[in-house]
Amino acid sequence: MTTAPLPDDDSRLLEQACAWLAKLQSGEDSAADRKDLAAWRAAAPAHERAWQRAQAVWQG
């Protein structure tokens, strides 16, 4: 695992992905939230990479 700092944009996207993940894990997400997450992930390859990284961190 690398400890190199993330570029600002990557850090911001990872924070957003973590917020999405926390929302989903809370059990308080709605169908609209899941649709919005899918749209966010599809909006840019960097979003999907951030999502994958957040999931990897969550799973430990």
Protein backbone atom coordinates (compact mmCIF):
# COMPACT_ATOMS: atom_id res chain seq x y z
CA MET A 1 0.00 0.00 0.00
CA THR A 2 1.34 3.41 -0.93
CA THR A 3 1.48 6.27 1.53
CA ALA A 4 2.12 8.94 -1.07
CA PRO A 5 -0.28 11.87 -0.75
CA LEU A 6 -3.10 12.04 -3.24
CA PRO A 7 -3.41 14.98 -5.62
CA ASP A 8 -6.05 17.45 -4.45
CA ASP A 9 -8.63 16.32 -7.01
CA ASP A 10 -8.14 12.67 -6.09
CA SER A 11 -8.51 13.47 -2.38
CA ARG A 12 -11.69 15.41 -3.03
CA LEU A 13 -13.16 12.60 -5.13
CA LEU A 14 -12.19 10.01 -2.55
CA GLU A 15 -13.95 12.07 0.13
CA GLN A 16 -17.06 12.19 -2.06
CA ALA A 17 -16.89 8.44 -2.67
CA CYS A 18 -16.53 7.81 1.06
CA ALA A 19 -19.56 9.99 1.73
CA TRP A 20 -21.57 7.95 -0.78
CA LEU A 21 -20.36 4.72 0.78
CA ALA A 22 -21.25 5.90 4.28
CA LYS A 23 -24.71 6.85 3.06
CA LEU A 24 -25.23 3.39 1.56
CA GLN A 25 -23.90 1.63 4.65
CA SER A 26 -26.15 3.67 6.94
CA GLY A 27 -29.23 1.97 5.58
CA GLU A 28 -30.83 5.37 5.09
CA ASP A 29 -30.27 5.52 1.34
CA SER A 30 -33.15 5.73 -1.08
CA ALA A 31 -33.66 4.58 -4.65
CA ALA A 32 -32.97 8.19 -5.69
CA ASP A 33 -29.67 8.12 -3.77
CA ARG A 34 -28.61 4.92 -5.53
CA LYS A 35 -29.54 6.47 -8.89
CA ASP A 36 -27.55 9.60 -8.06
CA LEU A 37 -24.56 7.48 -7.04
CA ALA A 38 -24.72 5.56 -10.32
CA ALA A 39 -24.78 8.86 -12.22
CA TRP A 40 -21.84 10.20 -10.18
CA ARG A 41 -19.81 7.05 -10.85
CA ALA A 42 -20.60 7.20 -14.58
CA ALA A 43 -19.80 10.90 -14.88
CA ALA A 44 -16.02 10.40 -15.07
CA PRO A 45 -13.48 7.59 -14.89
CA ALA A 46 -11.89 9.33 -11.89
CA HIS A 47 -15.19 9.04 -10.02
CA GLU A 48 -15.29 5.29 -10.61
CA ARG A 49 -11.66 4.93 -9.50
CA ALA A 50 -12.44 6.86 -6.32
CA TRP A 51 -15.47 4.63 -5.70
CA GLN A 52 -13.39 1.49 -6.15
CA ARG A 53 -10.72 2.82 -3.81
CA ALA A 54 -13.28 3.76 -1.15
CA GLN A 55 -14.77 0.28 -1.31
CA ALA A 56 -11.34 -1.32 -1.01
CA VAL A 57 -10.58 0.78 2.07
CA TRP A 58 -13.99 -0.03 3.59
CA GLN A 59 -13.43 -3.76 3.10
CA GLY A 60 -10.03 -3.43 4.75
